C-alpha cells in the first residue's frame, strides 16, 4: 500500500515544519550573544573558541565520518586549505572578535552589530567576486551604518567613551570575518553539499582551537572549577547554536528559496535585544530601538532581491 499524501508531506518536512524550525534557529541565535557574554566573564575570547569548537568538531566528525567518510576525505584532498580558511574565518576569528567585543559591549547591542553581516558581504562581493554595483544597495549600506552610529552613540543612554567605541569596532570585525567566510565559501558550496562544507570547516575550527590551548595550557586545569552555568552556556553554543542550527539552516536551503530562508535572519536582532533585556537587564532605550529600526531597514535594502 502506498503512503498517504499527509505522511509523504510529513516525511518531506511539511509546508509549516521548516519555517517553524527556522524561527527556532533565529531564537537560538538571538540568545547566543547572552551565552557568549556569560562565558567571557570567566575565560578569554581565545578560550571561548576552545570550549565551543572542540565539542563542535567532535560532534560533526562523529556525524560525517561514519556516513560520508570517503566524500569528506575527497573534499579535504581537493579543497583542504579552503575548508581550513572557512573554519578560521567563520568560526575562530568570528568568535574571538565577538567575545572580545562583548567584554564591554552589551549582548543586545552585539546582536544588532552582527546584523551588519549582509552589508559587509555585499561590499566584499563587489570587491572580490565582481558583483554588479547597485545604487539602491549602496544607499541601504549607508543607512545601515547610520543606524549603527545611532546605536553606539546614543543607544546605551549614557556617555560614550573612546573605549566603548573601540570595543564596538572590535565587535564589527565579527560580521566582517563572517562576510569573508561567506564570500570565500561560495565556490565551495557550488561544488560540494553545503552542509558537508560547513561540517568539515567547523571540524577544522576545532583543530585550530586545540592549537590555542598551547598558548595557555593551564586552562585545562582550571576548567573543572568553572560553575555549572558556564558549562550550560558552552553546551548551548556548541549543540543548539552550531550543530543543530547549521543542520536546520542548510536543510531548509535544500527545500525553500534562499531569499526566504535568509529573511529569518532579521528575527535574530529582535530576539537578541528582547532576551538581553529580560535575562541580563540590559537597557532598551528609545535611541536603541530607533537605531535598530534604521539598521535593519538598511540591511533589508541591501539584501532585498
C-alpha atoms as a PDB file:
ATOM      1  CA  UNK A   1       0.000   0.000   0.000  1.00  0.00           C
ATOM      2  CA  UNK A   2       1.371   3.413  -0.934  1.00  0.00           C
ATOM      3  CA  UNK A   3       1.890   6.031   1.728  1.00  0.00           C
ATOM      4  CA  UNK A   4      -0.799   8.638   2.219  1.00  0.00           C
ATOM      5  CA  UNK A   5      -0.223  12.191   0.994  1.00  0.00           C
ATOM      6  CA  UNK A   6      -0.091  13.657   4.529  1.00  0.00           C
ATOM      7  CA  UNK A   7       2.523  11.105   5.543  1.00  0.00           C
ATOM      8  CA  UNK A   8       4.608  11.801   2.429  1.00  0.00           C
ATOM      9  CA  UNK A   9       4.338  15.540   3.178  1.00  0.00           C
ATOM     10  CA  UNK A  10       5.466  14.941   6.764  1.00  0.00           C
ATOM     11  CA  UNK A  11       8.442  12.863   5.639  1.00  0.00           C
ATOM     12  CA  UNK A  12       9.377  15.650   3.232  1.00  0.00           C
ATOM     13  CA  UNK A  13       9.150  18.157   6.054  1.00  0.00           C
ATOM     14  CA  UNK A  14       5.639  19.523   5.590  1.00  0.00           C
ATOM     15  CA  UNK A  15       4.823  23.086   4.496  1.00  0.00           C
ATOM     16  CA  UNK A  16       4.955  24.518   8.032  1.00  0.00           C
ATOM     17  CA  UNK A  17       7.801  22.493   9.541  1.00  0.00           C
ATOM     18  CA  UNK A  18      10.821  24.279   8.056  1.00  0.00           C
ATOM     19  CA  UNK A  19       9.601  27.852   8.674  1.00  0.00           C
ATOM     20  CA  UNK A  20       8.886  26.841  12.275  1.00  0.00           C
ATOM     21  CA  UNK A  21      12.358  25.334  12.621  1.00  0.00           C
ATOM     22  CA  UNK A  22      13.912  28.495  11.139  1.00  0.00           C
ATOM     23  CA  UNK A  23      12.100  30.652  13.689  1.00  0.00           C
ATOM     24  CA  UNK A  24      13.532  28.345  16.357  1.00  0.00           C
ATOM     25  CA  UNK A  25      17.015  28.788  14.880  1.00  0.00           C
ATOM     26  CA  UNK A  26      16.613  32.588  14.939  1.00  0.00           C
ATOM     27  CA  UNK A  27      15.513  32.348  18.582  1.00  0.00           C
ATOM     28  CA  UNK A  28      18.556  30.214  19.416  1.00  0.00           C
ATOM     29  CA  UNK A  29      20.959  32.529  17.584  1.00  0.00           C
ATOM     30  CA  UNK A  30      19.401  35.554  19.295  1.00  0.00           C
ATOM     31  CA  UNK A  31      20.258  34.023  22.663  1.00  0.00           C
ATOM     32  CA  UNK A  32      23.810  33.088  21.616  1.00  0.00           C
ATOM     33  CA  UNK A  33      25.008  36.609  22.444  1.00  0.00           C
ATOM     34  CA  UNK A  34      23.852  36.136  26.016  1.00  0.00           C
ATOM     35  CA  UNK A  35      25.758  32.852  26.247  1.00  0.00           C
ATOM     36  CA  UNK A  36      28.913  34.479  24.836  1.00  0.00           C
ATOM     37  CA  UNK A  37      28.556  37.356  27.331  1.00  0.00           C
ATOM     38  CA  UNK A  38      28.365  34.848  30.184  1.00  0.00           C
ATOM     39  CA  UNK A  39      31.316  32.755  29.022  1.00  0.00           C
ATOM     40  CA  UNK A  40      33.712  35.696  28.552  1.00  0.00           C
ATOM     41  CA  UNK A  41      33.001  36.614  32.152  1.00  0.00           C
ATOM     42  CA  UNK A  42      35.077  33.547  33.099  1.00  0.00           C
ATOM     43  CA  UNK A  43      37.538  32.955  30.224  1.00  0.00           C
ATOM     44  CA  UNK A  44      39.224  34.973  27.485  1.00  0.00           C
ATOM     45  CA  UNK A  45      37.839  35.225  23.933  1.00  0.00           C
ATOM     46  CA  UNK A  46      40.558  32.795  22.771  1.00  0.00           C
ATOM     47  CA  UNK A  47      39.460  30.281  25.385  1.00  0.00           C
ATOM     48  CA  UNK A  48      35.829  30.798  24.344  1.00  0.00           C
ATOM     49  CA  UNK A  49      36.810  29.428  20.927  1.00  0.00           C
ATOM     50  CA  UNK A  50      38.444  26.388  22.548  1.00  0.00           C
ATOM     51  CA  UNK A  51      35.499  25.385  24.738  1.00  0.00           C
ATOM     52  CA  UNK A  52      32.980  25.972  21.958  1.00  0.00           C
ATOM     53  CA  UNK A  53      34.576  24.410  18.896  1.00  0.00           C
ATOM     54  CA  UNK A  54      36.379  21.380  20.255  1.00  0.00           C
ATOM     55  CA  UNK A  55      32.976  19.799  21.106  1.00  0.00           C
ATOM     56  CA  UNK A  56      31.539  21.045  17.782  1.00  0.00           C
ATOM     57  CA  UNK A  57      34.400  19.400  15.865  1.00  0.00           C
ATOM     58  CA  UNK A  58      33.891  16.101  17.690  1.00  0.00           C
ATOM     59  CA  UNK A  59      30.139  16.131  17.009  1.00  0.00           C
ATOM     60  CA  UNK A  60      30.487  16.951  13.308  1.00  0.00           C
ATOM     61  CA  UNK A  61      33.270  14.375  12.891  1.00  0.00           C
ATOM     62  CA  UNK A  62      31.037  11.769  14.537  1.00  0.00           C
ATOM     63  CA  UNK A  63      28.129  12.674  12.249  1.00  0.00           C
ATOM     64  CA  UNK A  64      30.030  12.902   8.957  1.00  0.00           C
ATOM     65  CA  UNK A  65      32.866  10.390   9.014  1.00  0.00           C
ATOM     66  CA  UNK A  66      30.822   7.169   9.502  1.00  0.00           C
ATOM     67  CA  UNK A  67      28.360   8.045   6.725  1.00  0.00           C
ATOM     68  CA  UNK A  68      30.380  10.199   4.322  1.00  0.00           C
ATOM     69  CA  UNK A  69      33.978   9.484   5.211  1.00  0.00           C
ATOM     70  CA  UNK A  70      35.135   8.988   1.627  1.00  0.00           C
ATOM     71  CA  UNK A  71      33.419  12.161   0.477  1.00  0.00           C
ATOM     72  CA  UNK A  72      34.975  14.108   3.347  1.00  0.00           C
ATOM     73  CA  UNK A  73      38.462  12.816   2.529  1.00  0.00           C
ATOM     74  CA  UNK A  74      37.991  13.664  -1.152  1.00  0.00           C
ATOM     75  CA  UNK A  75      36.913  17.197  -0.222  1.00  0.00           C
ATOM     76  CA  UNK A  76      39.942  17.646   2.027  1.00  0.00           C
ATOM     77  CA  UNK A  77      42.310  16.421  -0.681  1.00  0.00           C
ATOM     78  CA  UNK A  78      40.888  18.815  -3.277  1.00  0.00           C
ATOM     79  CA  UNK A  79      39.979  21.838  -1.139  1.00  0.00           C
ATOM     80  CA  UNK A  80      41.606  21.298   2.242  1.00  0.00           C
ATOM     81  CA  UNK A  81      43.182  24.738   2.607  1.00  0.00           C
ATOM     82  CA  UNK A  82      39.948  26.459   1.554  1.00  0.00           C
ATOM     83  CA  UNK A  83      37.954  24.490   4.138  1.00  0.00           C
ATOM     84  CA  UNK A  84      40.560  25.338   6.777  1.00  0.00           C
ATOM     85  CA  UNK A  85      40.276  29.029   5.833  1.00  0.00           C
ATOM     86  CA  UNK A  86      36.498  28.835   6.281  1.00  0.00           C
ATOM     87  CA  UNK A  87      36.953  27.345   9.740  1.00  0.00           C
ATOM     88  CA  UNK A  88      39.460  30.050  10.636  1.00  0.00           C
ATOM     89  CA  UNK A  89      37.315  32.986   9.490  1.00  0.00           C
ATOM     90  CA  UNK A  90      33.760  31.801  10.097  1.00  0.00           C
ATOM     91  CA  UNK A  91      34.375  30.205  13.482  1.00  0.00           C
ATOM     92  CA  UNK A  92      37.702  31.053  15.134  1.00  0.00           C
ATOM     93  CA  UNK A  93      38.161  34.723  14.215  1.00  0.00           C
ATOM     94  CA  UNK A  94      34.412  35.459  14.290  1.00  0.00           C
ATOM     95  CA  UNK A  95      34.088  34.198  17.853  1.00  0.00           C
ATOM     96  CA  UNK A  96      37.320  35.811  19.047  1.00  0.00           C
ATOM     97  CA  UNK A  97      36.142  39.240  17.859  1.00  0.00           C
ATOM     98  CA  UNK A  98      32.590  38.720  19.132  1.00  0.00           C
ATOM     99  CA  UNK A  99      33.779  37.509  22.545  1.00  0.00           C
ATOM    100  CA  UNK A 100      36.376  40.281  22.771  1.00  0.00           C
ATOM    101  CA  UNK A 101      33.789  42.906  21.889  1.00  0.00           C
ATOM    102  CA  UNK A 102      31.250  41.535  24.356  1.00  0.00           C
ATOM    103  CA  UNK A 103      33.660  42.014  27.247  1.00  0.00           C
ATOM    104  CA  UNK A 104      32.471  45.653  27.051  1.00  0.00           C
ATOM    105  CA  UNK A 105      29.562  45.746  24.596  1.00  0.00           C
ATOM    106  CA  UNK A 106      26.042  44.769  25.719  1.00  0.00           C
ATOM    107  CA  UNK A 107      24.784  41.450  24.360  1.00  0.00           C
ATOM    108  CA  UNK A 108      21.767  43.068  22.683  1.00  0.00           C
ATOM    109  CA  UNK A 109      23.951  45.702  21.029  1.00  0.00           C
ATOM    110  CA  UNK A 110      26.318  42.987  19.808  1.00  0.00           C
ATOM    111  CA  UNK A 111      23.359  41.196  18.241  1.00  0.00           C
ATOM    112  CA  UNK A 112      22.487  44.359  16.328  1.00  0.00           C
ATOM    113  CA  UNK A 113      26.081  44.913  15.190  1.00  0.00           C
ATOM    114  CA  UNK A 114      26.245  41.336  13.886  1.00  0.00           C
ATOM    115  CA  UNK A 115      23.186  42.139  11.740  1.00  0.00           C
ATOM    116  CA  UNK A 116      25.556  44.170   9.541  1.00  0.00           C
ATOM    117  CA  UNK A 117      26.830  40.924   8.030  1.00  0.00           C
ATOM    118  CA  UNK A 118      24.845  41.225   4.737  1.00  0.00           C
ATOM    119  CA  UNK A 119      26.230  44.747   4.179  1.00  0.00           C
ATOM    120  CA  UNK A 120      29.814  43.526   4.546  1.00  0.00           C
ATOM    121  CA  UNK A 121      29.031  40.528   2.356  1.00  0.00           C
ATOM    122  CA  UNK A 122      27.678  42.789  -0.384  1.00  0.00           C
ATOM    123  CA  UNK A 123      30.731  45.078  -0.240  1.00  0.00           C
ATOM    124  CA  UNK A 124      33.125  42.120  -0.430  1.00  0.00           C
ATOM    125  CA  UNK A 125      31.122  40.562  -3.259  1.00  0.00           C
ATOM    126  CA  UNK A 126      31.699  43.716  -5.303  1.00  0.00           C
ATOM    127  CA  UNK A 127      35.411  43.836  -4.485  1.00  0.00           C
ATOM    128  CA  UNK A 128      36.203  40.113  -4.717  1.00  0.00           C
ATOM    129  CA  UNK A 129      33.540  38.462  -6.855  1.00  0.00           C
ATOM    130  CA  UNK A 130      32.891  41.317  -9.259  1.00  0.00           C
ATOM    131  CA  UNK A 131      29.209  41.607  -8.348  1.00  0.00           C
ATOM    132  CA  UNK A 132      27.475  44.492 -10.080  1.00  0.00           C
ATOM    133  CA  UNK A 133      27.309  47.741  -8.105  1.00  0.00           C
ATOM    134  CA  UNK A 134      23.766  48.960  -7.405  1.00  0.00           C
ATOM    135  CA  UNK A 135      22.952  52.398  -6.003  1.00  0.00           C
ATOM    136  CA  UNK A 136      19.888  51.044  -4.202  1.00  0.00           C
ATOM    137  CA  UNK A 137      22.005  48.581  -2.243  1.00  0.00           C
ATOM    138  CA  UNK A 138      24.745  51.160  -1.632  1.00  0.00           C
ATOM    139  CA  UNK A 139      22.172  53.510  -0.109  1.00  0.00           C
ATOM    140  CA  UNK A 140      20.962  50.643   2.075  1.00  0.00           C
ATOM    141  CA  UNK A 141      24.537  50.068   3.221  1.00  0.00           C
ATOM    142  CA  UNK A 142      24.864  53.751   4.207  1.00  0.00           C
ATOM    143  CA  UNK A 143      21.524  53.625   6.046  1.00  0.00           C
ATOM    144  CA  UNK A 144      22.600  50.502   7.962  1.00  0.00           C
ATOM    145  CA  UNK A 145      25.786  52.175   9.170  1.00  0.00           C
ATOM    146  CA  UNK A 146      23.768  55.252  10.098  1.00  0.00           C
ATOM    147  CA  UNK A 147      21.621  53.030  12.309  1.00  0.00           C
ATOM    148  CA  UNK A 148      24.752  51.554  13.862  1.00  0.00           C
ATOM    149  CA  UNK A 149      26.007  55.076  14.644  1.00  0.00           C
ATOM    150  CA  UNK A 150      22.743  55.850  16.467  1.00  0.00           C
ATOM    151  CA  UNK A 151      23.003  52.586  18.435  1.00  0.00           C
ATOM    152  CA  UNK A 152      26.617  53.128  19.513  1.00  0.00           C
ATOM    153  CA  UNK A 153      26.343  56.883  20.140  1.00  0.00           C
ATOM    154  CA  UNK A 154      23.021  57.106  21.962  1.00  0.00           C
ATOM    155  CA  UNK A 155      21.668  53.564  22.414  1.00  0.00           C
ATOM    156  CA  UNK A 156      23.094  52.868  25.869  1.00  0.00           C
ATOM    157  CA  UNK A 157      21.590  56.010  27.407  1.00  0.00           C
ATOM    158  CA  UNK A 158      24.936  57.016  28.972  1.00  0.00           C
ATOM    159  CA  UNK A 159      28.016  58.956  27.798  1.00  0.00           C
ATOM    160  CA  UNK A 160      30.107  57.008  25.289  1.00  0.00           C
ATOM    161  CA  UNK A 161      33.874  56.752  25.872  1.00  0.00           C
ATOM    162  CA  UNK A 162      36.644  56.038  23.392  1.00  0.00           C
ATOM    163  CA  UNK A 163      36.930  52.549  24.923  1.00  0.00           C
ATOM    164  CA  UNK A 164      33.258  51.943  24.164  1.00  0.00           C
ATOM    165  CA  UNK A 165      33.816  52.933  20.543  1.00  0.00           C
ATOM    166  CA  UNK A 166      36.904  50.742  20.341  1.00  0.00           C
ATOM    167  CA  UNK A 167      35.064  47.665  21.563  1.00  0.00           C
ATOM    168  CA  UNK A 168      32.157  48.384  19.198  1.00  0.00           C
ATOM    169  CA  UNK A 169      34.659  48.448  16.327  1.00  0.00           C
ATOM    170  CA  UNK A 170      36.154  45.158  17.540  1.00  0.00           C
ATOM    171  CA  UNK A 171      32.651  43.651  17.558  1.00  0.00           C
ATOM    172  CA  UNK A 172      32.204  44.874  13.966  1.00  0.00           C
ATOM    173  CA  UNK A 173      35.135  42.689  12.939  1.00  0.00           C
ATOM    174  CA  UNK A 174      32.947  39.645  13.702  1.00  0.00           C
ATOM    175  CA  UNK A 175      30.402  40.241  10.892  1.00  0.00           C
ATOM    176  CA  UNK A 176      33.309  41.271   8.653  1.00  0.00           C
ATOM    177  CA  UNK A 177      35.068  37.927   9.152  1.00  0.00           C
ATOM    178  CA  UNK A 178      31.732  36.141   8.641  1.00  0.00           C
ATOM    179  CA  UNK A 179      31.344  38.021   5.363  1.00  0.00           C
ATOM    180  CA  UNK A 180      34.825  36.821   4.345  1.00  0.00           C
ATOM    181  CA  UNK A 181      33.700  33.295   5.257  1.00  0.00           C
ATOM    182  CA  UNK A 182      30.526  33.682   3.175  1.00  0.00           C
ATOM    183  CA  UNK A 183      32.231  35.062   0.082  1.00  0.00           C
ATOM    184  CA  UNK A 184      35.108  32.551   0.316  1.00  0.00           C
ATOM    185  CA  UNK A 185      32.667  29.663   0.621  1.00  0.00           C
ATOM    186  CA  UNK A 186      30.622  30.487  -2.477  1.00  0.00           C
ATOM    187  CA  UNK A 187      32.799  28.434  -4.815  1.00  0.00           C
ATOM    188  CA  UNK A 188      32.942  25.507  -2.376  1.00  0.00           C
ATOM    189  CA  UNK A 189      29.189  25.202  -1.878  1.00  0.00           C
ATOM    190  CA  UNK A 190      28.809  25.262  -5.658  1.00  0.00           C
ATOM    191  CA  UNK A 191      30.915  22.075  -5.885  1.00  0.00           C
ATOM    192  CA  UNK A 192      30.082  20.247  -2.634  1.00  0.00           C
ATOM    193  CA  UNK A 193      26.983  19.789  -0.428  1.00  0.00           C
ATOM    194  CA  UNK A 194      26.703  22.955   1.714  1.00  0.00           C
ATOM    195  CA  UNK A 195      26.113  21.095   4.981  1.00  0.00           C
ATOM    196  CA  UNK A 196      29.172  18.939   4.335  1.00  0.00           C
ATOM    197  CA  UNK A 197      31.277  22.048   3.674  1.00  0.00           C
ATOM    198  CA  UNK A 198      30.140  23.602   6.953  1.00  0.00           C
ATOM    199  CA  UNK A 199      30.699  20.418   8.940  1.00  0.00           C
ATOM    200  CA  UNK A 200      34.265  19.979   7.669  1.00  0.00           C
ATOM    201  CA  UNK A 201      35.033  23.692   8.132  1.00  0.00           C
ATOM    202  CA  UNK A 202      33.810  23.547  11.737  1.00  0.00           C
ATOM    203  CA  UNK A 203      35.934  20.446  12.304  1.00  0.00           C
ATOM    204  CA  UNK A 204      38.964  22.427  11.134  1.00  0.00           C
ATOM    205  CA  UNK A 205      37.901  25.155  13.573  1.00  0.00           C
ATOM    206  CA  UNK A 206      38.077  22.596  16.368  1.00  0.00           C
ATOM    207  CA  UNK A 207      41.616  21.659  15.321  1.00  0.00           C
ATOM    208  CA  UNK A 208      42.641  25.331  15.338  1.00  0.00           C
ATOM    209  CA  UNK A 209      41.054  25.624  18.777  1.00  0.00           C
ATOM    210  CA  UNK A 210      43.208  22.808  20.116  1.00  0.00           C
ATOM    211  CA  UNK A 211      46.260  24.720  18.907  1.00  0.00           C
ATOM    212  CA  UNK A 212      45.128  27.699  21.016  1.00  0.00           C
ATOM    213  CA  UNK A 213      45.406  25.542  24.153  1.00  0.00           C
ATOM    214  CA  UNK A 214      49.181  25.691  23.689  1.00  0.00           C
ATOM    215  CA  UNK A 215      49.029  29.430  24.398  1.00  0.00           C
ATOM    216  CA  UNK A 216      47.716  28.777  27.914  1.00  0.00           C
ATOM    217  CA  UNK A 217      47.984  25.093  28.854  1.00  0.00           C
ATOM    218  CA  UNK A 218      46.888  25.793  32.442  1.00  0.00           C
ATOM    219  CA  UNK A 219      43.366  26.324  31.050  1.00  0.00           C
ATOM    220  CA  UNK A 220      42.777  22.558  31.164  1.00  0.00           C
ATOM    221  CA  UNK A 221      43.430  22.529  34.904  1.00  0.00           C
ATOM    222  CA  UNK A 222      41.100  25.487  35.504  1.00  0.00           C
ATOM    223  CA  UNK A 223      38.104  24.236  33.528  1.00  0.00           C
ATOM    224  CA  UNK A 224      36.784  21.753  36.146  1.00  0.00           C
ATOM    225  CA  UNK A 225      36.458  24.588  38.697  1.00  0.00           C
ATOM    226  CA  UNK A 226      34.165  26.692  36.491  1.00  0.00           C
ATOM    227  CA  UNK A 227      30.488  26.820  37.542  1.00  0.00           C
ATOM    228  CA  UNK A 228      27.665  24.832  36.018  1.00  0.00           C
ATOM    229  CA  UNK A 229      26.180  27.948  34.362  1.00  0.00           C
ATOM    230  CA  UNK A 230      29.404  28.305  32.354  1.00  0.00           C
ATOM    231  CA  UNK A 231      29.112  24.747  31.037  1.00  0.00           C
ATOM    232  CA  UNK A 232      25.427  25.132  30.218  1.00  0.00           C
ATOM    233  CA  UNK A 233      26.339  28.213  28.150  1.00  0.00           C
ATOM    234  CA  UNK A 234      29.106  26.255  26.390  1.00  0.00           C
ATOM    235  CA  UNK A 235      26.719  23.375  25.672  1.00  0.00           C
ATOM    236  CA  UNK A 236      24.145  25.821  24.311  1.00  0.00           C
ATOM    237  CA  UNK A 237      26.688  27.405  21.943  1.00  0.00           C
ATOM    238  CA  UNK A 238      28.090  24.077  20.766  1.00  0.00           C
ATOM    239  CA  UNK A 239      24.966  21.976  20.191  1.00  0.00           C
ATOM    240  CA  UNK A 240      21.849  24.099  19.524  1.00  0.00           C
ATOM    241  CA  UNK A 241      23.652  27.238  18.210  1.00  0.00           C
ATOM    242  CA  UNK A 242      26.122  25.475  15.957  1.00  0.00           C
ATOM    243  CA  UNK A 243      25.359  21.844  15.144  1.00  0.00           C
ATOM    244  CA  UNK A 244      21.548  21.887  15.276  1.00  0.00           C
ATOM    245  CA  UNK A 245      21.171  25.372  13.772  1.00  0.00           C
ATOM    246  CA  UNK A 246      23.522  24.708  10.857  1.00  0.00           C
ATOM    247  CA  UNK A 247      21.875  21.379  10.068  1.00  0.00           C
ATOM    248  CA  UNK A 248      18.431  23.027  10.028  1.00  0.00           C
ATOM    249  CA  UNK A 249      19.656  26.055   8.062  1.00  0.00           C
ATOM    250  CA  UNK A 250      21.241  24.133   5.225  1.00  0.00           C
ATOM    251  CA  UNK A 251      18.498  21.508   5.176  1.00  0.00           C
ATOM    252  CA  UNK A 252      15.973  24.328   4.793  1.00  0.00           C
ATOM    253  CA  UNK A 253      18.016  25.789   1.926  1.00  0.00           C
ATOM    254  CA  UNK A 254      17.529  22.492   0.078  1.00  0.00           C
ATOM    255  CA  UNK A 255      13.744  22.776   0.445  1.00  0.00           C
ATOM    256  CA  UNK A 256      12.983  26.532   0.363  1.00  0.00           C
ATOM    257  CA  UNK A 257      14.094  29.526  -1.758  1.00  0.00           C
ATOM    258  CA  UNK A 258      17.336  31.032  -0.436  1.00  0.00           C
ATOM    259  CA  UNK A 259      15.810  34.514  -0.161  1.00  0.00           C
ATOM    260  CA  UNK A 260      13.002  33.232   2.037  1.00  0.00           C
ATOM    261  CA  UNK A 261      15.429  31.365   4.298  1.00  0.00           C
ATOM    262  CA  UNK A 262      17.682  34.433   4.590  1.00  0.00           C
ATOM    263  CA  UNK A 263      14.695  36.520   5.689  1.00  0.00           C
ATOM    264  CA  UNK A 264      14.560  34.679   9.015  1.00  0.00           C
ATOM    265  CA  UNK A 265      17.913  36.277   9.945  1.00  0.00           C
ATOM    266  CA  UNK A 266      16.035  39.530  10.594  1.00  0.00           C
ATOM    267  CA  UNK A 267      14.440  37.919  13.641  1.00  0.00           C
ATOM    268  CA  UNK A 268      17.841  37.408  15.319  1.00  0.00           C
ATOM    269  CA  UNK A 269      18.473  41.037  16.435  1.00  0.00           C
ATOM    270  CA  UNK A 270      14.926  41.305  17.783  1.00  0.00           C
ATOM    271  CA  UNK A 271      15.394  38.164  19.875  1.00  0.00           C
ATOM    272  CA  UNK A 272      18.875  39.314  20.972  1.00  0.00           C
ATOM    273  CA  UNK A 273      17.630  42.657  22.285  1.00  0.00           C
ATOM    274  CA  UNK A 274      14.490  41.167  23.875  1.00  0.00           C
ATOM    275  CA  UNK A 275      16.228  38.381  25.761  1.00  0.00           C
ATOM    276  CA  UNK A 276      19.168  40.589  26.751  1.00  0.00           C
ATOM    277  CA  UNK A 277      16.654  42.913  28.400  1.00  0.00           C
ATOM    278  CA  UNK A 278      14.866  40.014  30.077  1.00  0.00           C
ATOM    279  CA  UNK A 279      17.816  37.888  31.176  1.00  0.00           C
ATOM    280  CA  UNK A 280      20.618  40.438  31.632  1.00  0.00           C
ATOM    281  CA  UNK A 281      18.507  43.515  32.449  1.00  0.00           C
ATOM    282  CA  UNK A 282      20.236  45.478  29.703  1.00  0.00           C
ATOM    283  CA  UNK A 283      18.531  48.822  28.997  1.00  0.00           C
ATOM    284  CA  UNK A 284      16.361  49.173  25.909  1.00  0.00           C
ATOM    285  CA  UNK A 285      16.286  52.908  25.199  1.00  0.00           C
ATOM    286  CA  UNK A 286      14.259  54.730  22.531  1.00  0.00           C
ATOM    287  CA  UNK A 287      17.546  55.556  20.770  1.00  0.00           C
ATOM    288  CA  UNK A 288      18.484  51.861  20.714  1.00  0.00           C
ATOM    289  CA  UNK A 289      15.132  50.941  19.184  1.00  0.00           C
ATOM    290  CA  UNK A 290      15.384  53.766  16.639  1.00  0.00           C
ATOM    291  CA  UNK A 291      18.923  52.776  15.681  1.00  0.00           C
ATOM    292  CA  UNK A 292      17.885  49.127  15.420  1.00  0.00           C
ATOM    293  CA  UNK A 293      14.987  50.032  13.116  1.00  0.00           C
ATOM    294  CA  UNK A 294      17.281  52.135  10.888  1.00  0.00           C
ATOM    295  CA  UNK A 295      19.966  49.428  10.794  1.00  0.00           C
ATOM    296  CA  UNK A 296      17.534  46.636   9.939  1.00  0.00           C
ATOM    297  CA  UNK A 297      15.882  48.783   7.262  1.00  0.00           C
ATOM    298  CA  UNK A 298      19.279  49.411   5.679  1.00  0.00           C
ATOM    299  CA  UNK A 299      20.263  45.747   5.832  1.00  0.00           C
ATOM    300  CA  UNK A 300      16.916  44.773   4.312  1.00  0.00           C
ATOM    301  CA  UNK A 301      17.513  47.243   1.479  1.00  0.00           C
ATOM    302  CA  UNK A 302      20.957  45.727   0.823  1.00  0.00           C
ATOM    303  CA  UNK A 303      19.626  42.183   0.907  1.00  0.00           C
ATOM    304  CA  UNK A 304      16.374  42.776  -0.991  1.00  0.00           C
ATOM    305  CA  UNK A 305      16.097  40.852  -4.248  1.00  0.00           C
END
